[in-house]
């Protein structure tokens, strides 16, 4: 059996300009057990994987105490060479479009 302890590091930040434009990004490096990555041919193995992600959200004018936003995100996931056949390469791109709803800022 293997040790059930793994390591991870995450850096994440965002900046919002004029309450309407939000840019965000994150970088993470994680140790994952083989079974979490569906790599059952490597029992008891731990792999280091990573992800870089960035995105933007544009918030509309507040309406009835809510602000709606539309955004997009792009990412790349990095896997070790042993898993490249399962994941169709070592660098896997990802994209997303989303809607966001949050309470609007209250004036004091």
PDB file of N, CA and C in Angstrom:
ATOM      1  N   UNK A   1       0.851  -1.185   0.000  1.00  0.00           N
ATOM      2  CA  UNK A   1       0.000   0.000   0.000  1.00  0.00           C
ATOM      3  C   UNK A   1       0.888   1.237   0.000  1.00  0.00           C
ATOM      4  N   UNK A   2       0.354   2.363  -0.393  1.00  0.00           N
ATOM      5  CA  UNK A   2       1.124   3.591  -0.517  1.00  0.00           C
ATOM      6  C   UNK A   2       0.686   4.611   0.532  1.00  0.00           C
ATOM      7  N   UNK A   3       1.540   5.594   0.730  1.00  0.00           N
ATOM      8  CA  UNK A   3       1.252   6.678   1.664  1.00  0.00           C
ATOM      9  C   UNK A   3       0.116   7.536   1.096  1.00  0.00           C
ATOM     10  N   UNK A   4      -0.846   7.895   1.906  1.00  0.00           N
ATOM     11  CA  UNK A   4      -2.021   8.642   1.452  1.00  0.00           C
ATOM     12  C   UNK A   4      -1.816  10.157   1.482  1.00  0.00           C
ATOM     13  N   UNK A   5      -0.571  10.617   1.575  1.00  0.00           N
ATOM     14  CA  UNK A   5      -0.288  12.046   1.619  1.00  0.00           C
ATOM     15  C   UNK A   5       0.269  12.515   0.287  1.00  0.00           C
ATOM     16  N   UNK A   6      -0.292  13.587  -0.228  1.00  0.00           N
ATOM     17  CA  UNK A   6       0.224  14.208  -1.447  1.00  0.00           C
ATOM     18  C   UNK A   6       0.390  15.706  -1.199  1.00  0.00           C
ATOM     19  N   UNK A   7       1.052  16.366  -2.122  1.00  0.00           N
ATOM     20  CA  UNK A   7       1.326  17.794  -2.002  1.00  0.00           C
ATOM     21  C   UNK A   7       0.619  18.553  -3.117  1.00  0.00           C
ATOM     22  N   UNK A   8       0.352  19.831  -2.880  1.00  0.00           N
ATOM     23  CA  UNK A   8      -0.249  20.688  -3.900  1.00  0.00           C
ATOM     24  C   UNK A   8       0.125  22.138  -3.596  1.00  0.00           C
ATOM     25  N   UNK A   9       0.180  22.932  -4.665  1.00  0.00           N
ATOM     26  CA  UNK A   9       0.385  24.367  -4.510  1.00  0.00           C
ATOM     27  C   UNK A   9      -0.540  25.068  -5.507  1.00  0.00           C
ATOM     28  N   UNK A  10      -1.139  26.178  -5.061  1.00  0.00           N
ATOM     29  CA  UNK A  10      -2.085  26.930  -5.882  1.00  0.00           C
ATOM     30  C   UNK A  10      -1.801  28.414  -5.710  1.00  0.00           C
ATOM     31  N   UNK A  11      -1.682  29.116  -6.828  1.00  0.00           N
ATOM     32  CA  UNK A  11      -1.572  30.575  -6.841  1.00  0.00           C
ATOM     33  C   UNK A  11      -2.762  31.092  -7.633  1.00  0.00           C
ATOM     34  N   UNK A  12      -3.473  32.060  -7.062  1.00  0.00           N
ATOM     35  CA  UNK A  12      -4.679  32.546  -7.709  1.00  0.00           C
ATOM     36  C   UNK A  12      -4.826  34.032  -7.421  1.00  0.00           C
ATOM     37  N   UNK A  13      -5.254  34.784  -8.432  1.00  0.00           N
ATOM     38  CA  UNK A  13      -5.448  36.208  -8.232  1.00  0.00           C
ATOM     39  C   UNK A  13      -6.468  36.742  -9.221  1.00  0.00           C
ATOM     40  N   UNK A  14      -7.027  37.911  -8.899  1.00  0.00           N
ATOM     41  CA  UNK A  14      -7.944  38.587  -9.813  1.00  0.00           C
ATOM     42  C   UNK A  14      -7.820  40.084  -9.601  1.00  0.00           C
ATOM     43  N   UNK A  15      -8.207  40.814 -10.627  1.00  0.00           N
ATOM     44  CA  UNK A  15      -8.238  42.271 -10.532  1.00  0.00           C
ATOM     45  C   UNK A  15      -9.529  42.742 -11.200  1.00  0.00           C
ATOM     46  N   UNK A  16     -10.231  43.669 -10.533  1.00  0.00           N
ATOM     47  CA  UNK A  16     -11.480  44.213 -11.063  1.00  0.00           C
ATOM     48  C   UNK A  16     -11.305  45.715 -11.272  1.00  0.00           C
ATOM     49  N   UNK A  17     -11.653  46.168 -12.462  1.00  0.00           N
ATOM     50  CA  UNK A  17     -11.551  47.584 -12.804  1.00  0.00           C
ATOM     51  C   UNK A  17     -12.946  48.166 -13.009  1.00  0.00           C
ATOM     52  N   UNK A  18     -13.240  49.260 -12.327  1.00  0.00           N
ATOM     53  CA  UNK A  18     -14.499  49.990 -12.481  1.00  0.00           C
ATOM     54  C   UNK A  18     -15.729  49.122 -12.209  1.00  0.00           C
ATOM     55  N   UNK A  19     -15.620  48.125 -11.379  1.00  0.00           N
ATOM     56  CA  UNK A  19     -16.723  47.220 -11.020  1.00  0.00           C
ATOM     57  C   UNK A  19     -17.331  46.489 -12.212  1.00  0.00           C
ATOM     58  N   UNK A  20     -16.699  46.525 -13.367  1.00  0.00           N
ATOM     59  CA  UNK A  20     -17.295  45.933 -14.566  1.00  0.00           C
ATOM     60  C   UNK A  20     -16.384  44.917 -15.242  1.00  0.00           C
ATOM     61  N   UNK A  21     -15.079  45.087 -15.117  1.00  0.00           N
ATOM     62  CA  UNK A  21     -14.126  44.244 -15.835  1.00  0.00           C
ATOM     63  C   UNK A  21     -13.273  43.472 -14.827  1.00  0.00           C
ATOM     64  N   UNK A  22     -13.367  42.154 -14.851  1.00  0.00           N
ATOM     65  CA  UNK A  22     -12.569  41.333 -13.941  1.00  0.00           C
ATOM     66  C   UNK A  22     -11.695  40.381 -14.748  1.00  0.00           C
ATOM     67  N   UNK A  23     -10.402  40.455 -14.502  1.00  0.00           N
ATOM     68  CA  UNK A  23      -9.424  39.532 -15.087  1.00  0.00           C
ATOM     69  C   UNK A  23      -8.964  38.605 -13.964  1.00  0.00           C
ATOM     70  N   UNK A  24      -8.825  37.320 -14.253  1.00  0.00           N
ATOM     71  CA  UNK A  24      -8.393  36.382 -13.213  1.00  0.00           C
ATOM     72  C   UNK A  24      -7.438  35.352 -13.793  1.00  0.00           C
ATOM     73  N   UNK A  25      -6.650  34.771 -12.903  1.00  0.00           N
ATOM     74  CA  UNK A  25      -5.720  33.732 -13.322  1.00  0.00           C
ATOM     75  C   UNK A  25      -5.373  32.834 -12.157  1.00  0.00           C
ATOM     76  N   UNK A  26      -4.934  31.641 -12.502  1.00  0.00           N
ATOM     77  CA  UNK A  26      -4.504  30.698 -11.481  1.00  0.00           C
ATOM     78  C   UNK A  26      -3.486  29.734 -12.068  1.00  0.00           C
ATOM     79  N   UNK A  27      -2.618  29.263 -11.210  1.00  0.00           N
ATOM     80  CA  UNK A  27      -1.635  28.240 -11.569  1.00  0.00           C
ATOM     81  C   UNK A  27      -1.612  27.232 -10.431  1.00  0.00           C
ATOM     82  N   UNK A  28      -1.624  25.960 -10.787  1.00  0.00           N
ATOM     83  CA  UNK A  28      -1.591  24.929  -9.745  1.00  0.00           C
ATOM     84  C   UNK A  28      -0.734  23.746 -10.181  1.00  0.00           C
ATOM     85  N   UNK A  29      -0.085  23.161  -9.194  1.00  0.00           N
ATOM     86  CA  UNK A  29       0.682  21.931  -9.373  1.00  0.00           C
ATOM     87  C   UNK A  29       0.221  20.993  -8.269  1.00  0.00           C
ATOM     88  N   UNK A  30      -0.173  19.768  -8.652  1.00  0.00           N
ATOM     89  CA  UNK A  30      -0.799  18.832  -7.719  1.00  0.00           C
ATOM     90  C   UNK A  30      -0.223  17.438  -7.919  1.00  0.00           C
ATOM     91  N   UNK A  31      -0.015  16.733  -6.833  1.00  0.00           N
ATOM     92  CA  UNK A  31       0.297  15.302  -6.904  1.00  0.00           C
ATOM     93  C   UNK A  31      -1.023  14.540  -6.835  1.00  0.00           C
ATOM     94  N   UNK A  32      -1.240  13.657  -7.806  1.00  0.00           N
ATOM     95  CA  UNK A  32      -2.486  12.885  -7.873  1.00  0.00           C
ATOM     96  C   UNK A  32      -2.155  11.398  -7.906  1.00  0.00           C
ATOM     97  N   UNK A  33      -2.987  10.617  -7.225  1.00  0.00           N
ATOM     98  CA  UNK A  33      -2.839   9.170  -7.274  1.00  0.00           C
ATOM     99  C   UNK A  33      -3.268   8.664  -8.644  1.00  0.00           C
ATOM    100  N   UNK A  34      -2.670   7.579  -9.090  1.00  0.00           N
ATOM    101  CA  UNK A  34      -2.948   7.015 -10.411  1.00  0.00           C
ATOM    102  C   UNK A  34      -4.432   6.729 -10.590  1.00  0.00           C
ATOM    103  N   UNK A  35      -5.094   6.219  -9.558  1.00  0.00           N
ATOM    104  CA  UNK A  35      -6.522   5.901  -9.722  1.00  0.00           C
ATOM    105  C   UNK A  35      -7.365   7.156  -9.939  1.00  0.00           C
ATOM    106  N   UNK A  36      -6.924   8.323  -9.422  1.00  0.00           N
ATOM    107  CA  UNK A  36      -7.643   9.580  -9.664  1.00  0.00           C
ATOM    108  C   UNK A  36      -7.538  10.012 -11.123  1.00  0.00           C
ATOM    109  N   UNK A  37      -6.477   9.589 -11.784  1.00  0.00           N
ATOM    110  CA  UNK A  37      -6.237   9.949 -13.182  1.00  0.00           C
ATOM    111  C   UNK A  37      -6.625   8.821 -14.138  1.00  0.00           C
ATOM    112  N   UNK A  38      -7.268   7.806 -13.629  1.00  0.00           N
ATOM    113  CA  UNK A  38      -7.689   6.633 -14.421  1.00  0.00           C
ATOM    114  C   UNK A  38      -6.490   5.968 -15.095  1.00  0.00           C
ATOM    115  N   UNK A  39      -5.369   5.935 -14.374  1.00  0.00           N
ATOM    116  CA  UNK A  39      -4.149   5.295 -14.858  1.00  0.00           C
ATOM    117  C   UNK A  39      -3.944   4.006 -14.055  1.00  0.00           C
ATOM    118  N   UNK A  40      -4.870   3.087 -14.206  1.00  0.00           N
ATOM    119  CA  UNK A  40      -4.887   1.874 -13.387  1.00  0.00           C
ATOM    120  C   UNK A  40      -3.719   0.935 -13.680  1.00  0.00           C
ATOM    121  N   UNK A  41      -3.045   1.157 -14.797  1.00  0.00           N
ATOM    122  CA  UNK A  41      -1.875   0.316 -15.101  1.00  0.00           C
ATOM    123  C   UNK A  41      -0.657   0.719 -14.277  1.00  0.00           C
ATOM    124  N   UNK A  42      -0.770   1.788 -13.496  1.00  0.00           N
ATOM    125  CA  UNK A  42       0.309   2.241 -12.604  1.00  0.00           C
ATOM    126  C   UNK A  42      -0.177   2.214 -11.156  1.00  0.00           C
ATOM    127  N   UNK A  43      -0.520   1.057 -10.624  1.00  0.00           N
ATOM    128  CA  UNK A  43      -1.041   1.020  -9.248  1.00  0.00           C
ATOM    129  C   UNK A  43      -0.010   1.563  -8.258  1.00  0.00           C
ATOM    130  N   UNK A  44      -0.490   2.211  -7.235  1.00  0.00           N
ATOM    131  CA  UNK A  44       0.339   2.775  -6.167  1.00  0.00           C
ATOM    132  C   UNK A  44       1.248   3.904  -6.629  1.00  0.00           C
ATOM    133  N   UNK A  45       1.027   4.452  -7.820  1.00  0.00           N
ATOM    134  CA  UNK A  45       1.852   5.556  -8.321  1.00  0.00           C
ATOM    135  C   UNK A  45       1.194   6.897  -8.024  1.00  0.00           C
ATOM    136  N   UNK A  46       2.037   7.902  -7.907  1.00  0.00           N
ATOM    137  CA  UNK A  46       1.594   9.282  -7.743  1.00  0.00           C
ATOM    138  C   UNK A  46       2.224  10.085  -8.875  1.00  0.00           C
ATOM    139  N   UNK A  47       1.401  10.895  -9.554  1.00  0.00           N
ATOM    140  CA  UNK A  47       1.869  11.705 -10.670  1.00  0.00           C
ATOM    141  C   UNK A  47       1.701  13.184 -10.336  1.00  0.00           C
ATOM    142  N   UNK A  48       2.601  13.989 -10.848  1.00  0.00           N
ATOM    143  CA  UNK A  48       2.503  15.435 -10.687  1.00  0.00           C
ATOM    144  C   UNK A  48       1.886  16.019 -11.949  1.00  0.00           C
ATOM    145  N   UNK A  49       0.784  16.731 -11.792  1.00  0.00           N
ATOM    146  CA  UNK A  49       0.088  17.368 -12.907  1.00  0.00           C
ATOM    147  C   UNK A  49      -0.042  18.859 -12.599  1.00  0.00           C
ATOM    148  N   UNK A  50      -0.258  19.658 -13.635  1.00  0.00           N
ATOM    149  CA  UNK A  50      -0.369  21.095 -13.435  1.00  0.00           C
ATOM    150  C   UNK A  50      -1.431  21.700 -14.327  1.00  0.00           C
ATOM    151  N   UNK A  51      -1.803  22.940 -14.012  1.00  0.00           N
ATOM    152  CA  UNK A  51      -2.786  23.653 -14.820  1.00  0.00           C
ATOM    153  C   UNK A  51      -2.522  25.146 -14.732  1.00  0.00           C
ATOM    154  N   UNK A  52      -2.597  25.808 -15.875  1.00  0.00           N
ATOM    155  CA  UNK A  52      -2.553  27.264 -15.967  1.00  0.00           C
ATOM    156  C   UNK A  52      -3.879  27.719 -16.549  1.00  0.00           C
ATOM    157  N   UNK A  53      -4.498  28.708 -15.935  1.00  0.00           N
ATOM    158  CA  UNK A  53      -5.819  29.147 -16.377  1.00  0.00           C
ATOM    159  C   UNK A  53      -5.928  30.662 -16.244  1.00  0.00           C
ATOM    160  N   UNK A  54      -6.578  31.281 -17.216  1.00  0.00           N
ATOM    161  CA  UNK A  54      -6.825  32.713 -17.169  1.00  0.00           C
ATOM    162  C   UNK A  54      -8.177  33.010 -17.763  1.00  0.00           C
ATOM    163  N   UNK A  55      -8.747  34.149 -17.372  1.00  0.00           N
ATOM    164  CA  UNK A  55     -10.051  34.476 -17.914  1.00  0.00           C
ATOM    165  C   UNK A  55     -10.453  35.909 -17.657  1.00  0.00           C
ATOM    166  N   UNK A  56     -11.624  36.237 -18.165  1.00  0.00           N
ATOM    167  CA  UNK A  56     -12.166  37.590 -18.091  1.00  0.00           C
ATOM    168  C   UNK A  56     -13.677  37.505 -17.901  1.00  0.00           C
ATOM    169  N   UNK A  57     -14.209  38.415 -17.072  1.00  0.00           N
ATOM    170  CA  UNK A  57     -15.658  38.542 -16.889  1.00  0.00           C
ATOM    171  C   UNK A  57     -16.042  40.007 -17.087  1.00  0.00           C
ATOM    172  N   UNK A  58     -17.083  40.234 -17.866  1.00  0.00           N
ATOM    173  CA  UNK A  58     -17.629  41.586 -18.092  1.00  0.00           C
ATOM    174  C   UNK A  58     -18.986  41.641 -17.400  1.00  0.00           C
ATOM    175  N   UNK A  59     -19.097  42.502 -16.385  1.00  0.00           N
ATOM    176  CA  UNK A  59     -20.343  42.641 -15.640  1.00  0.00           C
ATOM    177  C   UNK A  59     -21.200  43.748 -16.239  1.00  0.00           C
ATOM    178  N   UNK A  60     -22.479  43.499 -16.309  1.00  0.00           N
ATOM    179  CA  UNK A  60     -23.449  44.475 -16.823  1.00  0.00           C
ATOM    180  C   UNK A  60     -23.847  45.435 -15.699  1.00  0.00           C
ATOM    181  N   UNK A  61     -24.598  46.442 -16.046  1.00  0.00           N
ATOM    182  CA  UNK A  61     -25.094  47.383 -15.036  1.00  0.00           C
ATOM    183  C   UNK A  61     -26.005  46.641 -14.045  1.00  0.00           C
ATOM    184  N   UNK A  62     -25.924  47.001 -12.760  1.00  0.00           N
ATOM    185  CA  UNK A  62     -26.779  46.340 -11.761  1.00  0.00           C
ATOM    186  C   UNK A  62     -28.257  46.496 -12.094  1.00  0.00           C
ATOM    187  N   UNK A  63     -29.014  45.467 -11.739  1.00  0.00           N
ATOM    188  CA  UNK A  63     -30.450  45.452 -11.977  1.00  0.00           C
ATOM    189  C   UNK A  63     -31.123  44.734 -10.812  1.00  0.00           C
ATOM    190  N   UNK A  64     -31.969  45.408 -10.101  1.00  0.00           N
ATOM    191  CA  UNK A  64     -32.673  44.849  -8.941  1.00  0.00           C
ATOM    192  C   UNK A  64     -31.716  44.224  -7.925  1.00  0.00           C
ATOM    193  N   UNK A  65     -30.597  44.905  -7.682  1.00  0.00           N
ATOM    194  CA  UNK A  65     -29.643  44.440  -6.682  1.00  0.00           C
ATOM    195  C   UNK A  65     -28.720  43.326  -7.131  1.00  0.00           C
ATOM    196  N   UNK A  66     -28.739  42.987  -8.420  1.00  0.00           N
ATOM    197  CA  UNK A  66     -27.876  41.925  -8.940  1.00  0.00           C
ATOM    198  C   UNK A  66     -27.056  42.435 -10.120  1.00  0.00           C
ATOM    199  N   UNK A  67     -25.868  41.889 -10.272  1.00  0.00           N
ATOM    200  CA  UNK A  67     -25.024  42.169 -11.430  1.00  0.00           C
ATOM    201  C   UNK A  67     -24.797  40.868 -12.168  1.00  0.00           C
ATOM    202  N   UNK A  68     -25.130  40.855 -13.444  1.00  0.00           N
ATOM    203  CA  UNK A  68     -24.901  39.684 -14.284  1.00  0.00           C
ATOM    204  C   UNK A  68     -23.594  39.892 -15.041  1.00  0.00           C
ATOM    205  N   UNK A  69     -22.849  38.833 -15.215  1.00  0.00           N
ATOM    206  CA  UNK A  69     -21.602  38.898 -15.951  1.00  0.00           C
ATOM    207  C   UNK A  69     -21.513  37.772 -16.950  1.00  0.00           C
ATOM    208  N   UNK A  70     -20.807  38.039 -18.033  1.00  0.00           N
ATOM    209  CA  UNK A  70     -20.513  36.995 -19.013  1.00  0.00           C
ATOM    210  C   UNK A  70     -19.000  36.936 -19.140  1.00  0.00           C
ATOM    211  N   UNK A  71     -18.493  35.725 -19.230  1.00  0.00           N
ATOM    212  CA  UNK A  71     -17.047  35.595 -19.245  1.00  0.00           C
ATOM    213  C   UNK A  71     -16.558  34.408 -20.044  1.00  0.00           C
ATOM    214  N   UNK A  72     -15.251  34.356 -20.157  1.00  0.00           N
ATOM    215  CA  UNK A  72     -14.594  33.262 -20.863  1.00  0.00           C
ATOM    216  C   UNK A  72     -13.320  32.904 -20.116  1.00  0.00           C
ATOM    217  N   UNK A  73     -12.925  31.671 -20.264  1.00  0.00           N
ATOM    218  CA  UNK A  73     -11.711  31.185 -19.634  1.00  0.00           C
ATOM    219  C   UNK A  73     -10.975  30.266 -20.604  1.00  0.00           C
ATOM    220  N   UNK A  74      -9.669  30.279 -20.515  1.00  0.00           N
ATOM    221  CA  UNK A  74      -8.829  29.377 -21.302  1.00  0.00           C
ATOM    222  C   UNK A  74      -7.800  28.760 -20.364  1.00  0.00           C
ATOM    223  N   UNK A  75      -7.458  27.518 -20.615  1.00  0.00           N
ATOM    224  CA  UNK A  75      -6.502  26.841 -19.734  1.00  0.00           C
ATOM    225  C   UNK A  75      -5.672  25.838 -20.520  1.00  0.00           C
ATOM    226  N   UNK A  76      -4.561  25.469 -19.913  1.00  0.00           N
ATOM    227  CA  UNK A  76      -3.788  24.326 -20.392  1.00  0.00           C
ATOM    228  C   UNK A  76      -3.475  23.458 -19.185  1.00  0.00           C
ATOM    229  N   UNK A  77      -3.679  22.168 -19.356  1.00  0.00           N
ATOM    230  CA  UNK A  77      -3.338  21.193 -18.327  1.00  0.00           C
ATOM    231  C   UNK A  77      -2.089  20.468 -18.779  1.00  0.00           C
ATOM    232  N   UNK A  78      -1.222  20.176 -17.834  1.00  0.00           N
ATOM    233  CA  UNK A  78       0.053  19.532 -18.126  1.00  0.00           C
ATOM    234  C   UNK A  78       0.109  18.185 -17.415  1.00  0.00           C
ATOM    235  N   UNK A  79       0.367  17.125 -18.171  1.00  0.00           N
ATOM    236  CA  UNK A  79       0.442  15.779 -17.590  1.00  0.00           C
ATOM    237  C   UNK A  79       1.812  15.182 -17.875  1.00  0.00           C
ATOM    238  N   UNK A  80       2.262  14.234 -17.060  1.00  0.00           N
ATOM    239  CA  UNK A  80       3.559  13.608 -17.299  1.00  0.00           C
ATOM    240  C   UNK A  80       3.547  12.745 -18.561  1.00  0.00           C
ATOM    241  N   UNK A  81       4.719  12.504 -19.108  1.00  0.00           N
ATOM    242  CA  UNK A  81       4.839  11.757 -20.366  1.00  0.00           C
ATOM    243  C   UNK A  81       4.244  10.350 -20.272  1.00  0.00           C
ATOM    244  N   UNK A  82       4.281   9.732 -19.101  1.00  0.00           N
ATOM    245  CA  UNK A  82       3.707   8.389 -18.950  1.00  0.00           C
ATOM    246  C   UNK A  82       2.210   8.362 -19.245  1.00  0.00           C
ATOM    247  N   UNK A  83       1.544   9.484 -19.074  1.00  0.00           N
ATOM    248  CA  UNK A  83       0.095   9.552 -19.268  1.00  0.00           C
ATOM    249  C   UNK A  83      -0.312  10.232 -20.573  1.00  0.00           C
ATOM    250  N   UNK A  84       0.658  10.603 -21.388  1.00  0.00           N
ATOM    251  CA  UNK A  84       0.342  11.362 -22.607  1.00  0.00           C
ATOM    252  C   UNK A  84      -0.540  10.581 -23.578  1.00  0.00           C
ATOM    253  N   UNK A  85      -0.393   9.267 -23.666  1.00  0.00           N
ATOM    254  CA  UNK A  85      -1.241   8.482 -24.577  1.00  0.00           C
ATOM    255  C   UNK A  85      -2.701   8.497 -24.115  1.00  0.00           C
ATOM    256  N   UNK A  86      -2.931   8.418 -22.814  1.00  0.00           N
ATOM    257  CA  UNK A  86      -4.294   8.426 -22.279  1.00  0.00           C
ATOM    258  C   UNK A  86      -4.973   9.780 -22.438  1.00  0.00           C
ATOM    259  N   UNK A  87      -4.178  10.850 -22.373  1.00  0.00           N
ATOM    260  CA  UNK A  87      -4.728  12.199 -22.429  1.00  0.00           C
ATOM    261  C   UNK A  87      -4.469  12.879 -23.776  1.00  0.00           C
ATOM    262  N   UNK A  88      -4.037  12.119 -24.763  1.00  0.00           N
ATOM    263  CA  UNK A  88      -3.801  12.610 -26.118  1.00  0.00           C
ATOM    264  C   UNK A  88      -2.802  13.763 -26.159  1.00  0.00           C
ATOM    265  N   UNK A  89      -1.723  13.622 -25.419  1.00  0.00           N
ATOM    266  CA  UNK A  89      -0.663  14.620 -25.387  1.00  0.00           C
ATOM    267  C   UNK A  89      -0.322  15.026 -23.973  1.00  0.00           C
ATOM    268  N   UNK A  90       0.748  15.794 -23.861  1.00  0.00           N
ATOM    269  CA  UNK A  90       1.170  16.258 -22.539  1.00  0.00           C
ATOM    270  C   UNK A  90       0.552  17.594 -22.174  1.00  0.00           C
ATOM    271  N   UNK A  91       0.142  18.368 -23.175  1.00  0.00           N
ATOM    272  CA  UNK A  91      -0.461  19.674 -22.956  1.00  0.00           C
ATOM    273  C   UNK A  91      -1.890  19.618 -23.505  1.00  0.00           C
ATOM    274  N   UNK A  92      -2.859  19.769 -22.610  1.00  0.00           N
ATOM    275  CA  UNK A  92      -4.265  19.633 -22.991  1.00  0.00           C
ATOM    276  C   UNK A  92      -4.946  20.998 -22.835  1.00  0.00           C
ATOM    277  N   UNK A  93      -5.463  21.558 -23.942  1.00  0.00           N
ATOM    278  CA  UNK A  93      -6.135  22.858 -23.842  1.00  0.00           C
ATOM    279  C   UNK A  93      -7.561  22.722 -23.325  1.00  0.00           C
ATOM    280  N   UNK A  94      -8.049  23.780 -22.722  1.00  0.00           N
ATOM    281  CA  UNK A  94      -9.430  23.833 -22.266  1.00  0.00           C
ATOM    282  C   UNK A  94      -9.991  25.230 -22.465  1.00  0.00           C
ATOM    283  N   UNK A  95     -11.283  25.311 -22.735  1.00  0.00           N
ATOM    284  CA  UNK A  95     -11.943  26.589 -22.968  1.00  0.00           C
ATOM    285  C   UNK A  95     -13.320  26.562 -22.316  1.00  0.00           C
ATOM    286  N   UNK A  96     -13.795  27.710 -21.936  1.00  0.00           N
ATOM    287  CA  UNK A  96     -15.130  27.770 -21.366  1.00  0.00           C
ATOM    288  C   UNK A  96     -15.741  29.151 -21.508  1.00  0.00           C
ATOM    289  N   UNK A  97     -17.042  29.186 -21.605  1.00  0.00           N
ATOM    290  CA  UNK A  97     -17.821  30.417 -21.597  1.00  0.00           C
ATOM    291  C   UNK A  97     -18.838  30.260 -20.474  1.00  0.00           C
ATOM    292  N   UNK A  98     -19.052  31.311 -19.697  1.00  0.00           N
ATOM    293  CA  UNK A  98     -19.941  31.179 -18.546  1.00  0.00           C
ATOM    294  C   UNK A  98     -20.725  32.458 -18.294  1.00  0.00           C
ATOM    295  N   UNK A  99     -21.794  32.305 -17.538  1.00  0.00           N
ATOM    296  CA  UNK A  99     -22.588  33.411 -17.017  1.00  0.00           C
ATOM    297  C   UNK A  99     -22.416  33.437 -15.507  1.00  0.00           C
ATOM    298  N   UNK A 100     -22.403  34.623 -14.942  1.00  0.00           N
ATOM    299  CA  UNK A 100     -22.179  34.790 -13.521  1.00  0.00           C
ATOM    300  C   UNK A 100     -23.233  35.754 -12.990  1.00  0.00           C
ATOM    301  N   UNK A 101     -23.740  35.500 -11.800  1.00  0.00           N
ATOM    302  CA  UNK A 101     -24.720  36.365 -11.158  1.00  0.00           C
ATOM    303  C   UNK A 101     -24.253  36.610  -9.730  1.00  0.00           C
ATOM    304  N   UNK A 102     -24.138  37.893  -9.366  1.00  0.00           N
ATOM    305  CA  UNK A 102     -23.665  38.235  -8.023  1.00  0.00           C
ATOM    306  C   UNK A 102     -24.454  39.431  -7.503  1.00  0.00           C
ATOM    307  N   UNK A 103     -24.490  39.617  -6.182  1.00  0.00           N
ATOM    308  CA  UNK A 103     -25.121  40.814  -5.636  1.00  0.00           C
ATOM    309  C   UNK A 103     -24.353  42.045  -6.103  1.00  0.00           C
ATOM    310  N   UNK A 104     -25.069  43.120  -6.417  1.00  0.00           N
ATOM    311  CA  UNK A 104     -24.391  44.343  -6.826  1.00  0.00           C
ATOM    312  C   UNK A 104     -23.796  45.025  -5.605  1.00  0.00           C
ATOM    313  N   UNK A 105     -22.827  45.864  -5.861  1.00  0.00           N
ATOM    314  CA  UNK A 105     -22.159  46.590  -4.787  1.00  0.00           C
ATOM    315  C   UNK A 105     -23.128  47.612  -4.196  1.00  0.00           C
ATOM    316  N   UNK A 106     -23.146  47.691  -2.857  1.00  0.00           N
ATOM    317  CA  UNK A 106     -24.016  48.639  -2.171  1.00  0.00           C
ATOM    318  C   UNK A 106     -23.260  49.933  -1.906  1.00  0.00           C
ATOM    319  N   UNK A 107     -23.881  51.047  -2.186  1.00  0.00           N
ATOM    320  CA  UNK A 107     -23.265  52.352  -1.889  1.00  0.00           C
ATOM    321  C   UNK A 107     -23.393  52.636  -0.411  1.00  0.00           C
ATOM    322  N   UNK A 108     -22.354  53.234   0.165  1.00  0.00           N
ATOM    323  CA  UNK A 108     -22.381  53.594   1.593  1.00  0.00           C
ATOM    324  C   UNK A 108     -22.533  55.068   1.761  1.00  0.00           C
TER     325      UNK A 108
END
